[in-house]
Amino acid sequence: MAEKNRSKRAKKANIHHFLDSYVNQNKISIPLMVDQERIRLVVLGGAGVGKSSILQRFLFRTFPERHKRTVEDLYTRDFKLARNPSLFQQNQGSPSGGKSTNN
């Protein structure tokens, strides 16, 4: 059991390092909203693999310490693209890896 926990912590540390590097290298900033083009990105994967956690890390530079089951979370953040002076709002959906149980 202790070995399994160490393995999980090592995987989280690797994800933290990768995402920190990506966010820092790309110098992501949040500009004021003006006319915008909306781009939607949907992340797919199995249940409990960390789709929402990775999106939260990329968008908000946070990473949840505890697993929280999510069903179709929607995250929004504004970006200014260096290659294109227009602003856009990026909606990133994180659909559930399992089925919703709304009874």
C-alpha atoms as a PDB file:
ATOM      1  CA  MET A   1       0.000   0.000   0.000  1.00  0.00           C
ATOM      2  CA  ALA A   2       2.819   2.423   0.853  1.00  0.00           C
ATOM      3  CA  GLU A   3       4.492   1.661  -2.488  1.00  0.00           C
ATOM      4  CA  LYS A   4       1.256   2.430  -4.340  1.00  0.00           C
ATOM      5  CA  ASN A   5       0.961   5.795  -2.538  1.00  0.00           C
ATOM      6  CA  ARG A   6       4.594   6.634  -3.374  1.00  0.00           C
ATOM      7  CA  SER A   7       3.912   5.820  -7.023  1.00  0.00           C
ATOM      8  CA  LYS A   8       0.850   8.112  -7.054  1.00  0.00           C
ATOM      9  CA  ARG A   9       2.847  10.948  -5.465  1.00  0.00           C
ATOM     10  CA  ALA A  10       5.632  10.496  -8.036  1.00  0.00           C
ATOM     11  CA  LYS A  11       3.117  10.650 -10.904  1.00  0.00           C
ATOM     12  CA  LYS A  12       1.571  13.816  -9.446  1.00  0.00           C
ATOM     13  CA  ALA A  13       5.030  15.376  -9.089  1.00  0.00           C
ATOM     14  CA  ASN A  14       5.779  14.591 -12.753  1.00  0.00           C
ATOM     15  CA  ILE A  15       2.483  16.140 -13.847  1.00  0.00           C
ATOM     16  CA  HIS A  16       3.151  19.234 -11.682  1.00  0.00           C
ATOM     17  CA  HIS A  17       6.607  19.636 -13.234  1.00  0.00           C
ATOM     18  CA  PHE A  18       5.364  19.226 -16.817  1.00  0.00           C
ATOM     19  CA  LEU A  19       2.464  21.652 -16.416  1.00  0.00           C
ATOM     20  CA  ASP A  20       4.547  24.245 -14.542  1.00  0.00           C
ATOM     21  CA  SER A  21       7.115  24.154 -17.342  1.00  0.00           C
ATOM     22  CA  TYR A  22       4.432  24.500 -20.020  1.00  0.00           C
ATOM     23  CA  VAL A  23       2.634  27.398 -18.320  1.00  0.00           C
ATOM     24  CA  ASN A  24       5.884  29.255 -17.546  1.00  0.00           C
ATOM     25  CA  GLN A  25       7.361  28.770 -21.034  1.00  0.00           C
ATOM     26  CA  ASN A  26       4.204  30.022 -22.712  1.00  0.00           C
ATOM     27  CA  LYS A  27       3.851  33.065 -20.425  1.00  0.00           C
ATOM     28  CA  ILE A  28       0.079  32.805 -20.188  1.00  0.00           C
ATOM     29  CA  SER A  29      -1.669  36.002 -19.092  1.00  0.00           C
ATOM     30  CA  ILE A  30      -5.268  37.119 -18.622  1.00  0.00           C
ATOM     31  CA  PRO A  31      -6.193  40.246 -20.640  1.00  0.00           C
ATOM     32  CA  LEU A  32      -9.344  42.374 -20.435  1.00  0.00           C
ATOM     33  CA  MET A  33     -12.261  41.108 -22.494  1.00  0.00           C
ATOM     34  CA  VAL A  34     -12.825  42.762 -25.880  1.00  0.00           C
ATOM     35  CA  ASP A  35     -14.341  41.291 -29.057  1.00  0.00           C
ATOM     36  CA  GLN A  36     -13.521  37.644 -28.823  1.00  0.00           C
ATOM     37  CA  GLU A  37     -13.380  34.411 -30.709  1.00  0.00           C
ATOM     38  CA  ARG A  38     -14.479  31.412 -28.686  1.00  0.00           C
ATOM     39  CA  ILE A  39     -12.545  28.172 -28.906  1.00  0.00           C
ATOM     40  CA  ARG A  40     -13.795  25.048 -27.168  1.00  0.00           C
ATOM     41  CA  LEU A  41     -11.463  22.256 -26.102  1.00  0.00           C
ATOM     42  CA  VAL A  42     -12.865  18.969 -24.820  1.00  0.00           C
ATOM     43  CA  VAL A  43     -10.617  16.585 -22.899  1.00  0.00           C
ATOM     44  CA  LEU A  44     -11.515  12.902 -23.087  1.00  0.00           C
ATOM     45  CA  GLY A  45     -10.270  10.039 -20.937  1.00  0.00           C
ATOM     46  CA  GLY A  46     -11.272   7.290 -18.576  1.00  0.00           C
ATOM     47  CA  ALA A  47     -12.877   7.848 -15.184  1.00  0.00           C
ATOM     48  CA  GLY A  48     -10.522   9.061 -12.457  1.00  0.00           C
ATOM     49  CA  VAL A  49      -7.459   9.665 -14.667  1.00  0.00           C
ATOM     50  CA  GLY A  50      -7.099  13.389 -13.843  1.00  0.00           C
ATOM     51  CA  LYS A  51      -8.725  15.273 -16.747  1.00  0.00           C
ATOM     52  CA  SER A  52     -10.182  18.006 -14.522  1.00  0.00           C
ATOM     53  CA  SER A  53      -7.016  18.205 -12.414  1.00  0.00           C
ATOM     54  CA  ILE A  54      -4.833  18.778 -15.470  1.00  0.00           C
ATOM     55  CA  LEU A  55      -7.178  21.482 -16.781  1.00  0.00           C
ATOM     56  CA  GLN A  56      -7.216  23.222 -13.383  1.00  0.00           C
ATOM     57  CA  ARG A  57      -3.427  23.113 -13.268  1.00  0.00           C
ATOM     58  CA  PHE A  58      -3.086  24.556 -16.767  1.00  0.00           C
ATOM     59  CA  LEU A  59      -5.737  27.254 -16.387  1.00  0.00           C
ATOM     60  CA  PHE A  60      -5.384  28.329 -12.758  1.00  0.00           C
ATOM     61  CA  ARG A  61      -1.959  26.974 -11.685  1.00  0.00           C
ATOM     62  CA  THR A  62      -3.561  24.907  -8.930  1.00  0.00           C
ATOM     63  CA  PHE A  63      -3.693  21.149  -8.491  1.00  0.00           C
ATOM     64  CA  PRO A  64      -6.204  19.526  -6.134  1.00  0.00           C
ATOM     65  CA  GLU A  65      -4.608  17.375  -3.461  1.00  0.00           C
ATOM     66  CA  ARG A  66      -7.690  15.169  -3.108  1.00  0.00           C
ATOM     67  CA  HIS A  67      -9.743  13.507  -5.826  1.00  0.00           C
ATOM     68  CA  LYS A  68     -13.166  15.042  -6.336  1.00  0.00           C
ATOM     69  CA  ARG A  69     -15.448  13.267  -8.786  1.00  0.00           C
ATOM     70  CA  THR A  70     -16.674  15.653 -11.473  1.00  0.00           C
ATOM     71  CA  VAL A  71     -19.339  15.362 -14.144  1.00  0.00           C
ATOM     72  CA  GLU A  72     -18.934  17.637 -17.170  1.00  0.00           C
ATOM     73  CA  ASP A  73     -17.095  20.497 -15.450  1.00  0.00           C
ATOM     74  CA  LEU A  74     -16.664  23.647 -17.519  1.00  0.00           C
ATOM     75  CA  TYR A  75     -13.648  25.921 -17.038  1.00  0.00           C
ATOM     76  CA  THR A  76     -13.265  29.320 -18.682  1.00  0.00           C
ATOM     77  CA  ARG A  77     -10.211  31.539 -18.984  1.00  0.00           C
ATOM     78  CA  ASP A  78      -9.261  34.425 -21.266  1.00  0.00           C
ATOM     79  CA  PHE A  79      -6.009  34.451 -23.231  1.00  0.00           C
ATOM     80  CA  LYS A  80      -4.245  36.852 -25.563  1.00  0.00           C
ATOM     81  CA  LEU A  81      -2.412  35.069 -28.342  1.00  0.00           C
ATOM     82  CA  ALA A  82       1.049  36.418 -29.181  1.00  0.00           C
ATOM     83  CA  ARG A  83       0.739  35.492 -32.882  1.00  0.00           C
ATOM     84  CA  ASN A  84      -2.740  36.924 -33.226  1.00  0.00           C
ATOM     85  CA  PRO A  85      -3.604  40.256 -31.590  1.00  0.00           C
ATOM     86  CA  SER A  86      -7.248  39.257 -31.119  1.00  0.00           C
ATOM     87  CA  LEU A  87      -8.443  38.041 -27.750  1.00  0.00           C
ATOM     88  CA  PHE A  88     -10.310  34.835 -27.222  1.00  0.00           C
ATOM     89  CA  GLN A  89     -12.058  33.074 -24.407  1.00  0.00           C
ATOM     90  CA  GLN A  90     -11.199  29.428 -24.002  1.00  0.00           C
ATOM     91  CA  ASN A  91     -13.848  27.103 -22.612  1.00  0.00           C
ATOM     92  CA  GLN A  92     -12.418  23.761 -21.643  1.00  0.00           C
ATOM     93  CA  GLY A  93     -14.871  21.007 -20.933  1.00  0.00           C
ATOM     94  CA  SER A  94     -14.013  18.038 -18.800  1.00  0.00           C
ATOM     95  CA  PRO A  95     -16.646  15.395 -19.483  1.00  0.00           C
ATOM     96  CA  SER A  96     -17.040  12.639 -16.959  1.00  0.00           C
ATOM     97  CA  GLY A  97     -15.294   9.362 -17.643  1.00  0.00           C
ATOM     98  CA  GLY A  98     -18.307   7.585 -16.176  1.00  0.00           C
ATOM     99  CA  LYS A  99     -22.049   7.892 -16.512  1.00  0.00           C
ATOM    100  CA  SER A 100     -24.041  10.540 -14.687  1.00  0.00           C
ATOM    101  CA  THR A 101     -26.535   9.167 -12.197  1.00  0.00           C
ATOM    102  CA  ASN A 102     -29.242  11.835 -12.029  1.00  0.00           C
ATOM    103  CA  ASN A 103     -32.248   9.947 -10.641  1.00  0.00           C
END
